[in-house]
Amino acid sequence: MLAGPDHHAMENNFYALEMLTAERLTEARLAARRRDLLAQARARRRPLRARLGVALIALGEWLRRDPRPVPQPA
């Protein structure tokens, strides 16, 4: 019953589908790997809270500095 021309064509379709599926899966894995590498390569930023804290500390130290002595006119 399965030994007709339709069976052979159906068998080729399954083979082609299997090859296309394998190819797309490989492409998807490569794309995921690329995205992962890009994410790892990006510079890690400190959280806003930490950056703001450092900026406020620097500002406080700048404001607390002793003013430079200004020469007095004679």
N, C-alpha and C. Protein backbone atom coordinates (compact mmCIF):
# COMPACT_ATOMS: atom_id res chain seq x y z
N MET A 1 0.80 -1.20 0.00
CA MET A 1 0.00 0.00 0.00
C MET A 1 0.85 1.27 0.00
N LEU A 2 1.96 1.25 0.68
CA LEU A 2 2.78 2.44 0.76
C LEU A 2 3.79 2.51 -0.38
N ALA A 3 3.82 1.55 -1.25
CA ALA A 3 4.85 1.50 -2.29
C ALA A 3 4.38 2.14 -3.58
N GLY A 4 3.84 3.33 -3.53
CA GLY A 4 3.42 4.03 -4.73
C GLY A 4 4.24 5.29 -4.93
N PRO A 5 4.04 5.98 -6.01
CA PRO A 5 4.78 7.21 -6.26
C PRO A 5 4.49 8.28 -5.21
N ASP A 6 3.30 8.28 -4.66
CA ASP A 6 2.96 9.27 -3.62
C ASP A 6 3.78 9.06 -2.36
N HIS A 7 4.04 7.80 -2.04
CA HIS A 7 4.81 7.49 -0.82
C HIS A 7 6.24 8.03 -0.95
N HIS A 8 6.84 7.86 -2.12
CA HIS A 8 8.21 8.34 -2.33
C HIS A 8 8.28 9.88 -2.22
N ALA A 9 7.31 10.56 -2.78
CA ALA A 9 7.27 12.02 -2.71
C ALA A 9 7.08 12.47 -1.27
N MET A 10 6.26 11.77 -0.53
CA MET A 10 6.02 12.10 0.86
C MET A 10 7.29 11.91 1.67
N GLU A 11 8.04 10.86 1.36
CA GLU A 11 9.28 10.59 2.06
C GLU A 11 10.29 11.73 1.81
N ASN A 12 10.35 12.22 0.58
CA ASN A 12 11.24 13.33 0.26
C ASN A 12 10.82 14.61 0.98
N ASN A 13 9.53 14.82 1.11
CA ASN A 13 9.04 16.00 1.82
C ASN A 13 9.46 15.97 3.29
N PHE A 14 9.39 14.81 3.91
CA PHE A 14 9.81 14.69 5.30
C PHE A 14 11.31 14.94 5.43
N TYR A 15 12.07 14.45 4.48
CA TYR A 15 13.51 14.68 4.50
C TYR A 15 13.81 16.17 4.35
N ALA A 16 13.15 16.82 3.41
CA ALA A 16 13.35 18.25 3.19
C ALA A 16 12.93 19.05 4.44
N LEU A 17 11.83 18.68 5.03
CA LEU A 17 11.37 19.35 6.24
C LEU A 17 12.37 19.17 7.38
N GLU A 18 12.91 17.98 7.48
CA GLU A 18 13.91 17.70 8.51
C GLU A 18 15.16 18.56 8.29
N MET A 19 15.61 18.68 7.06
CA MET A 19 16.79 19.49 6.75
C MET A 19 16.53 20.98 7.01
N LEU A 20 15.37 21.47 6.61
CA LEU A 20 15.02 22.87 6.86
C LEU A 20 14.93 23.16 8.36
N THR A 21 14.35 22.24 9.09
CA THR A 21 14.23 22.40 10.54
C THR A 21 15.60 22.43 11.19
N ALA A 22 16.47 21.53 10.78
CA ALA A 22 17.83 21.50 11.34
C ALA A 22 18.57 22.79 11.01
N GLU A 23 18.41 23.31 9.81
CA GLU A 23 19.07 24.54 9.40
C GLU A 23 18.57 25.73 10.21
N ARG A 24 17.27 25.83 10.37
CA ARG A 24 16.70 26.95 11.13
C ARG A 24 17.09 26.87 12.61
N LEU A 25 17.16 25.66 13.14
CA LEU A 25 17.56 25.49 14.53
C LEU A 25 19.02 25.92 14.72
N THR A 26 19.87 25.57 13.77
CA THR A 26 21.27 25.98 13.83
C THR A 26 21.38 27.51 13.77
N GLU A 27 20.62 28.13 12.87
CA GLU A 27 20.63 29.59 12.76
C GLU A 27 20.14 30.25 14.04
N ALA A 28 19.10 29.68 14.65
CA ALA A 28 18.57 30.25 15.89
C ALA A 28 19.59 30.13 17.02
N ARG A 29 20.30 29.01 17.07
CA ARG A 29 21.32 28.84 18.10
C ARG A 29 22.46 29.83 17.90
N LEU A 30 22.87 30.05 16.65
CA LEU A 30 23.94 31.02 16.37
C LEU A 30 23.50 32.43 16.75
N ALA A 31 22.27 32.79 16.44
CA ALA A 31 21.76 34.12 16.78
C ALA A 31 21.71 34.30 18.29
N ALA A 32 21.29 33.28 19.01
CA ALA A 32 21.24 33.36 20.47
C ALA A 32 22.65 33.50 21.04
N ARG A 33 23.59 32.79 20.46
CA ARG A 33 24.97 32.88 20.92
C ARG A 33 25.53 34.29 20.68
N ARG A 34 25.22 34.86 19.50
CA ARG A 34 25.67 36.23 19.20
C ARG A 34 25.09 37.23 20.20
N ARG A 35 23.79 37.09 20.48
CA ARG A 35 23.15 38.00 21.45
C ARG A 35 23.79 37.85 22.82
N ASP A 36 24.10 36.63 23.21
CA ASP A 36 24.71 36.39 24.51
C ASP A 36 26.11 37.02 24.58
N LEU A 37 26.89 36.86 23.52
CA LEU A 37 28.23 37.45 23.50
C LEU A 37 28.16 38.97 23.53
N LEU A 38 27.21 39.55 22.81
CA LEU A 38 27.05 41.01 22.83
C LEU A 38 26.66 41.50 24.22
N ALA A 39 25.78 40.77 24.88
CA ALA A 39 25.36 41.17 26.23
C ALA A 39 26.54 41.10 27.19
N GLN A 40 27.39 40.10 27.04
CA GLN A 40 28.55 39.97 27.92
C GLN A 40 29.59 41.05 27.63
N ALA A 41 29.68 41.48 26.38
CA ALA A 41 30.69 42.46 25.98
C ALA A 41 30.31 43.88 26.38
N ARG A 42 29.04 44.15 26.56
CA ARG A 42 28.61 45.50 26.95
C ARG A 42 29.21 45.87 28.29
N ALA A 43 29.55 47.12 28.42
CA ALA A 43 30.10 47.60 29.69
C ALA A 43 29.03 47.49 30.78
N ARG A 44 29.43 46.95 31.88
CA ARG A 44 28.51 46.84 33.01
C ARG A 44 28.43 48.20 33.68
N ARG A 45 27.24 48.73 33.76
CA ARG A 45 27.05 50.04 34.40
C ARG A 45 26.63 49.83 35.83
N ARG A 46 27.13 50.73 36.67
CA ARG A 46 26.68 50.69 38.05
C ARG A 46 25.25 51.20 38.10
N PRO A 47 24.49 50.76 39.07
CA PRO A 47 23.12 51.26 39.18
C PRO A 47 23.10 52.77 39.40
N LEU A 48 22.01 53.38 38.99
CA LEU A 48 21.86 54.83 39.13
C LEU A 48 22.07 55.28 40.57
N ARG A 49 21.58 54.51 41.51
CA ARG A 49 21.71 54.85 42.92
C ARG A 49 23.19 54.98 43.31
N ALA A 50 24.01 54.06 42.84
CA ALA A 50 25.43 54.11 43.18
C ALA A 50 26.13 55.28 42.49
N ARG A 51 25.80 55.53 41.21
CA ARG A 51 26.42 56.65 40.50
C ARG A 51 26.03 57.98 41.13
N LEU A 52 24.76 58.09 41.53
CA LEU A 52 24.29 59.32 42.17
C LEU A 52 24.99 59.52 43.51
N GLY A 53 25.17 58.46 44.27
CA GLY A 53 25.86 58.56 45.55
C GLY A 53 27.29 59.05 45.39
N VAL A 54 28.00 58.50 44.41
CA VAL A 54 29.38 58.92 44.17
C VAL A 54 29.42 60.38 43.76
N ALA A 55 28.48 60.79 42.91
CA ALA A 55 28.43 62.19 42.47
C ALA A 55 28.15 63.12 43.63
N LEU A 56 27.24 62.74 44.52
CA LEU A 56 26.92 63.59 45.68
C LEU A 56 28.10 63.69 46.64
N ILE A 57 28.82 62.61 46.82
CA ILE A 57 30.00 62.64 47.69
C ILE A 57 31.05 63.56 47.10
N ALA A 58 31.28 63.45 45.79
CA ALA A 58 32.26 64.31 45.14
C ALA A 58 31.85 65.78 45.24
N LEU A 59 30.57 66.05 45.07
CA LEU A 59 30.07 67.43 45.19
C LEU A 59 30.27 67.95 46.61
N GLY A 60 29.97 67.13 47.59
CA GLY A 60 30.16 67.53 48.99
C GLY A 60 31.61 67.83 49.30
N GLU A 61 32.51 67.01 48.80
CA GLU A 61 33.93 67.26 49.03
C GLU A 61 34.38 68.53 48.32
N TRP A 62 33.84 68.78 47.15
CA TRP A 62 34.20 69.99 46.41
C TRP A 62 33.72 71.24 47.14
N LEU A 63 32.50 71.18 47.68
CA LEU A 63 31.95 72.31 48.42
C LEU A 63 32.67 72.53 49.75
N ARG A 64 33.20 71.50 50.36
CA ARG A 64 33.84 71.59 51.66
C ARG A 64 35.28 72.08 51.58
N ARG A 65 35.84 72.11 50.38
CA ARG A 65 37.24 72.53 50.24
C ARG A 65 37.45 73.92 50.82
N ASP A 66 38.67 74.13 51.30
CA ASP A 66 39.04 75.48 51.77
C ASP A 66 39.21 76.36 50.55
N PRO A 67 38.65 77.57 50.60
CA PRO A 67 38.83 78.46 49.45
C PRO A 67 40.31 78.85 49.33
N ARG A 68 40.73 79.07 48.14
CA ARG A 68 42.12 79.50 47.93
C ARG A 68 42.27 80.92 48.47
N PRO A 69 43.41 81.16 49.06
CA PRO A 69 43.62 82.52 49.56
C PRO A 69 43.71 83.52 48.40
N VAL A 70 42.94 84.56 48.52
CA VAL A 70 42.93 85.58 47.49
C VAL A 70 43.88 86.69 47.93
N PRO A 71 44.81 87.06 47.06
CA PRO A 71 45.75 88.13 47.46
C PRO A 71 44.98 89.44 47.73
N GLN A 72 45.32 90.05 48.85
CA GLN A 72 44.68 91.31 49.24
C GLN A 72 45.45 92.48 48.61
N PRO A 73 44.71 93.44 48.11
CA PRO A 73 45.41 94.61 47.55
C PRO A 73 46.15 95.38 48.67
N ALA A 74 47.29 95.86 48.36
CA ALA A 74 48.11 96.57 49.36
C ALA A 74 47.83 98.04 49.43
